[in-house]
């Protein structure tokens, strides 16, 4: 089981429960990821983009991407990202809203850790 740990983006998931919301925001609840997906109950996005699943640790910094799903501008309900790697009990995951900007192909997720293509949404140059 995994849960939302913080009140603003990015969100970290570990064992337990909580929810949160901002302009570009993710609402998620307790869930079992053993079937290979993470589902956000609701995602608000100012523009088309992506919900991205990052590995993270106790430092709450986004690590490698292990899943993603497309988002449309505005409200998105029950958004499921297929995990591309196994997640073991106790490992932490982070859900983030990423934009579609900067890439070379529209509708193709091009982000790699630290890249500008399809990168995380920032407000005042900080992760929102």
C-alpha atoms as a PDB file:
ATOM      1  CA  UNK A   1       0.000   0.000   0.000  1.00  0.00           C
ATOM      2  CA  UNK A   2       1.131   3.526  -0.737  1.00  0.00           C
ATOM      3  CA  UNK A   3      -0.123   6.966   0.282  1.00  0.00           C
ATOM      4  CA  UNK A   4       0.195  10.685  -0.321  1.00  0.00           C
ATOM      5  CA  UNK A   5       2.698  12.240   2.053  1.00  0.00           C
ATOM      6  CA  UNK A   6       2.809  15.985   1.268  1.00  0.00           C
ATOM      7  CA  UNK A   7       0.278  18.779   0.791  1.00  0.00           C
ATOM      8  CA  UNK A   8       1.737  20.289  -2.407  1.00  0.00           C
ATOM      9  CA  UNK A   9       3.321  18.930  -5.568  1.00  0.00           C
ATOM     10  CA  UNK A  10       5.309  16.795  -5.794  1.00  0.00           C
ATOM     11  CA  UNK A  11       3.501  14.087  -3.842  1.00  0.00           C
ATOM     12  CA  UNK A  12       5.270  11.161  -2.242  1.00  0.00           C
ATOM     13  CA  UNK A  13       3.604   7.809  -1.794  1.00  0.00           C
ATOM     14  CA  UNK A  14       4.382   5.332   0.991  1.00  0.00           C
ATOM     15  CA  UNK A  15       2.262   3.153   3.299  1.00  0.00           C
ATOM     16  CA  UNK A  16      -0.860   5.087   4.797  1.00  0.00           C
ATOM     17  CA  UNK A  17      -3.338   8.016   3.535  1.00  0.00           C
ATOM     18  CA  UNK A  18      -3.878  11.773   2.736  1.00  0.00           C
ATOM     19  CA  UNK A  19      -4.913  14.181  -0.065  1.00  0.00           C
ATOM     20  CA  UNK A  20      -3.950  17.626  -1.416  1.00  0.00           C
ATOM     21  CA  UNK A  21      -4.781  20.188  -4.134  1.00  0.00           C
ATOM     22  CA  UNK A  22      -3.217  23.252  -5.888  1.00  0.00           C
ATOM     23  CA  UNK A  23      -3.620  24.793  -9.413  1.00  0.00           C
ATOM     24  CA  UNK A  24      -1.508  22.062 -11.011  1.00  0.00           C
ATOM     25  CA  UNK A  25      -2.421  19.433  -8.455  1.00  0.00           C
ATOM     26  CA  UNK A  26      -2.703  15.731  -7.776  1.00  0.00           C
ATOM     27  CA  UNK A  27      -5.159  13.994  -5.445  1.00  0.00           C
ATOM     28  CA  UNK A  28      -4.314  10.386  -4.668  1.00  0.00           C
ATOM     29  CA  UNK A  29      -5.359   7.897  -2.025  1.00  0.00           C
ATOM     30  CA  UNK A  30      -4.143   4.634  -0.507  1.00  0.00           C
ATOM     31  CA  UNK A  31      -3.578   2.005  -3.142  1.00  0.00           C
ATOM     32  CA  UNK A  32      -1.929  -1.309  -3.845  1.00  0.00           C
ATOM     33  CA  UNK A  33       0.639  -1.024  -6.658  1.00  0.00           C
ATOM     34  CA  UNK A  34       1.326  -4.755  -6.891  1.00  0.00           C
ATOM     35  CA  UNK A  35      -0.698  -4.922 -10.134  1.00  0.00           C
ATOM     36  CA  UNK A  36       1.751  -2.492 -11.757  1.00  0.00           C
ATOM     37  CA  UNK A  37      -0.165   0.813 -11.762  1.00  0.00           C
ATOM     38  CA  UNK A  38      -0.476   3.993  -9.713  1.00  0.00           C
ATOM     39  CA  UNK A  39      -3.764   5.896 -10.021  1.00  0.00           C
ATOM     40  CA  UNK A  40      -4.328   9.547  -9.218  1.00  0.00           C
ATOM     41  CA  UNK A  41      -7.958  10.122  -8.222  1.00  0.00           C
ATOM     42  CA  UNK A  42      -7.894  13.631  -9.691  1.00  0.00           C
ATOM     43  CA  UNK A  43      -5.288  15.738 -11.486  1.00  0.00           C
ATOM     44  CA  UNK A  44      -5.724  19.428 -12.310  1.00  0.00           C
ATOM     45  CA  UNK A  45      -3.418  20.727 -15.036  1.00  0.00           C
ATOM     46  CA  UNK A  46      -3.248  24.212 -16.510  1.00  0.00           C
ATOM     47  CA  UNK A  47      -2.179  22.731 -19.875  1.00  0.00           C
ATOM     48  CA  UNK A  48      -1.783  19.354 -21.578  1.00  0.00           C
ATOM     49  CA  UNK A  49       1.015  17.349 -20.015  1.00  0.00           C
ATOM     50  CA  UNK A  50       1.794  14.254 -18.000  1.00  0.00           C
ATOM     51  CA  UNK A  51       1.342  12.679 -14.586  1.00  0.00           C
ATOM     52  CA  UNK A  52       4.748  11.208 -13.831  1.00  0.00           C
ATOM     53  CA  UNK A  53       5.733   8.602 -11.244  1.00  0.00           C
ATOM     54  CA  UNK A  54       9.248   9.126  -9.853  1.00  0.00           C
ATOM     55  CA  UNK A  55      11.145   7.011  -7.375  1.00  0.00           C
ATOM     56  CA  UNK A  56      12.109   9.068  -4.312  1.00  0.00           C
ATOM     57  CA  UNK A  57      13.689   8.663  -0.898  1.00  0.00           C
ATOM     58  CA  UNK A  58      13.534  10.328   2.490  1.00  0.00           C
ATOM     59  CA  UNK A  59      15.042  13.474   0.923  1.00  0.00           C
ATOM     60  CA  UNK A  60      11.781  13.837  -1.096  1.00  0.00           C
ATOM     61  CA  UNK A  61      13.724  14.640  -4.290  1.00  0.00           C
ATOM     62  CA  UNK A  62      12.431  13.211  -7.579  1.00  0.00           C
ATOM     63  CA  UNK A  63      14.459  10.270  -8.797  1.00  0.00           C
ATOM     64  CA  UNK A  64      14.175   8.114 -11.909  1.00  0.00           C
ATOM     65  CA  UNK A  65      10.874   8.028 -13.792  1.00  0.00           C
ATOM     66  CA  UNK A  66       9.141   4.647 -13.549  1.00  0.00           C
ATOM     67  CA  UNK A  67       5.760   5.497 -15.071  1.00  0.00           C
ATOM     68  CA  UNK A  68       3.687   8.214 -16.713  1.00  0.00           C
ATOM     69  CA  UNK A  69       0.315   8.911 -18.304  1.00  0.00           C
ATOM     70  CA  UNK A  70      -0.984  11.776 -20.472  1.00  0.00           C
ATOM     71  CA  UNK A  71      -3.069  14.625 -19.052  1.00  0.00           C
ATOM     72  CA  UNK A  72      -5.399  17.057 -20.757  1.00  0.00           C
ATOM     73  CA  UNK A  73      -5.673  20.670 -19.681  1.00  0.00           C
ATOM     74  CA  UNK A  74      -8.084  21.144 -16.765  1.00  0.00           C
ATOM     75  CA  UNK A  75      -9.587  18.296 -14.726  1.00  0.00           C
ATOM     76  CA  UNK A  76      -8.507  14.658 -15.175  1.00  0.00           C
ATOM     77  CA  UNK A  77     -10.171  11.880 -13.157  1.00  0.00           C
ATOM     78  CA  UNK A  78      -8.835   8.389 -12.321  1.00  0.00           C
ATOM     79  CA  UNK A  79      -5.530   8.784 -14.174  1.00  0.00           C
ATOM     80  CA  UNK A  80      -3.599   5.498 -14.153  1.00  0.00           C
ATOM     81  CA  UNK A  81       0.127   5.318 -14.883  1.00  0.00           C
ATOM     82  CA  UNK A  82       1.528   1.887 -15.759  1.00  0.00           C
ATOM     83  CA  UNK A  83       4.696   1.225 -13.772  1.00  0.00           C
ATOM     84  CA  UNK A  84       7.671   0.242 -15.907  1.00  0.00           C
ATOM     85  CA  UNK A  85       9.546  -1.267 -12.960  1.00  0.00           C
ATOM     86  CA  UNK A  86       8.592  -3.357  -9.934  1.00  0.00           C
ATOM     87  CA  UNK A  87       8.008  -1.449  -6.695  1.00  0.00           C
ATOM     88  CA  UNK A  88       8.744  -3.276  -3.449  1.00  0.00           C
ATOM     89  CA  UNK A  89       6.960  -2.726  -0.171  1.00  0.00           C
ATOM     90  CA  UNK A  90       8.396   0.264   1.686  1.00  0.00           C
ATOM     91  CA  UNK A  91       9.836   1.966  -1.409  1.00  0.00           C
ATOM     92  CA  UNK A  92       8.719   5.548  -1.936  1.00  0.00           C
ATOM     93  CA  UNK A  93       7.145   7.015  -5.073  1.00  0.00           C
ATOM     94  CA  UNK A  94       6.405  10.615  -6.032  1.00  0.00           C
ATOM     95  CA  UNK A  95       3.635  11.815  -8.368  1.00  0.00           C
ATOM     96  CA  UNK A  96       4.339  15.026 -10.284  1.00  0.00           C
ATOM     97  CA  UNK A  97       2.643  17.034 -13.015  1.00  0.00           C
ATOM     98  CA  UNK A  98       4.982  17.521 -15.989  1.00  0.00           C
ATOM     99  CA  UNK A  99       4.338  19.807 -18.954  1.00  0.00           C
ATOM    100  CA  UNK A 100       4.357  19.080 -22.675  1.00  0.00           C
ATOM    101  CA  UNK A 101       6.683  22.024 -23.404  1.00  0.00           C
ATOM    102  CA  UNK A 102      10.223  21.821 -24.723  1.00  0.00           C
ATOM    103  CA  UNK A 103      10.024  18.471 -26.429  1.00  0.00           C
ATOM    104  CA  UNK A 104      10.405  17.735 -30.114  1.00  0.00           C
ATOM    105  CA  UNK A 105       7.257  15.589 -30.428  1.00  0.00           C
ATOM    106  CA  UNK A 106       3.788  16.509 -29.156  1.00  0.00           C
ATOM    107  CA  UNK A 107       2.102  13.644 -27.324  1.00  0.00           C
ATOM    108  CA  UNK A 108       5.355  11.723 -26.740  1.00  0.00           C
ATOM    109  CA  UNK A 109       6.822  11.753 -23.226  1.00  0.00           C
ATOM    110  CA  UNK A 110      10.472  12.777 -23.730  1.00  0.00           C
ATOM    111  CA  UNK A 111      11.651  13.621 -20.189  1.00  0.00           C
ATOM    112  CA  UNK A 112      14.692  12.013 -18.622  1.00  0.00           C
ATOM    113  CA  UNK A 113      15.894  12.994 -15.123  1.00  0.00           C
ATOM    114  CA  UNK A 114      17.183  16.566 -15.242  1.00  0.00           C
ATOM    115  CA  UNK A 115      16.144  17.250 -18.863  1.00  0.00           C
ATOM    116  CA  UNK A 116      14.065  20.248 -19.977  1.00  0.00           C
ATOM    117  CA  UNK A 117      11.856  18.322 -22.421  1.00  0.00           C
ATOM    118  CA  UNK A 118       8.440  17.606 -20.884  1.00  0.00           C
ATOM    119  CA  UNK A 119       9.845  18.639 -17.501  1.00  0.00           C
ATOM    120  CA  UNK A 120       8.122  19.167 -14.166  1.00  0.00           C
ATOM    121  CA  UNK A 121       5.850  22.188 -13.712  1.00  0.00           C
ATOM    122  CA  UNK A 122       7.629  24.978 -11.838  1.00  0.00           C
ATOM    123  CA  UNK A 123       6.297  28.117 -10.160  1.00  0.00           C
ATOM    124  CA  UNK A 124       8.830  30.903  -9.519  1.00  0.00           C
ATOM    125  CA  UNK A 125      11.523  28.421 -10.667  1.00  0.00           C
ATOM    126  CA  UNK A 126      10.552  25.976  -7.884  1.00  0.00           C
ATOM    127  CA  UNK A 127       8.733  22.679  -8.234  1.00  0.00           C
ATOM    128  CA  UNK A 128       5.090  23.448  -7.550  1.00  0.00           C
END
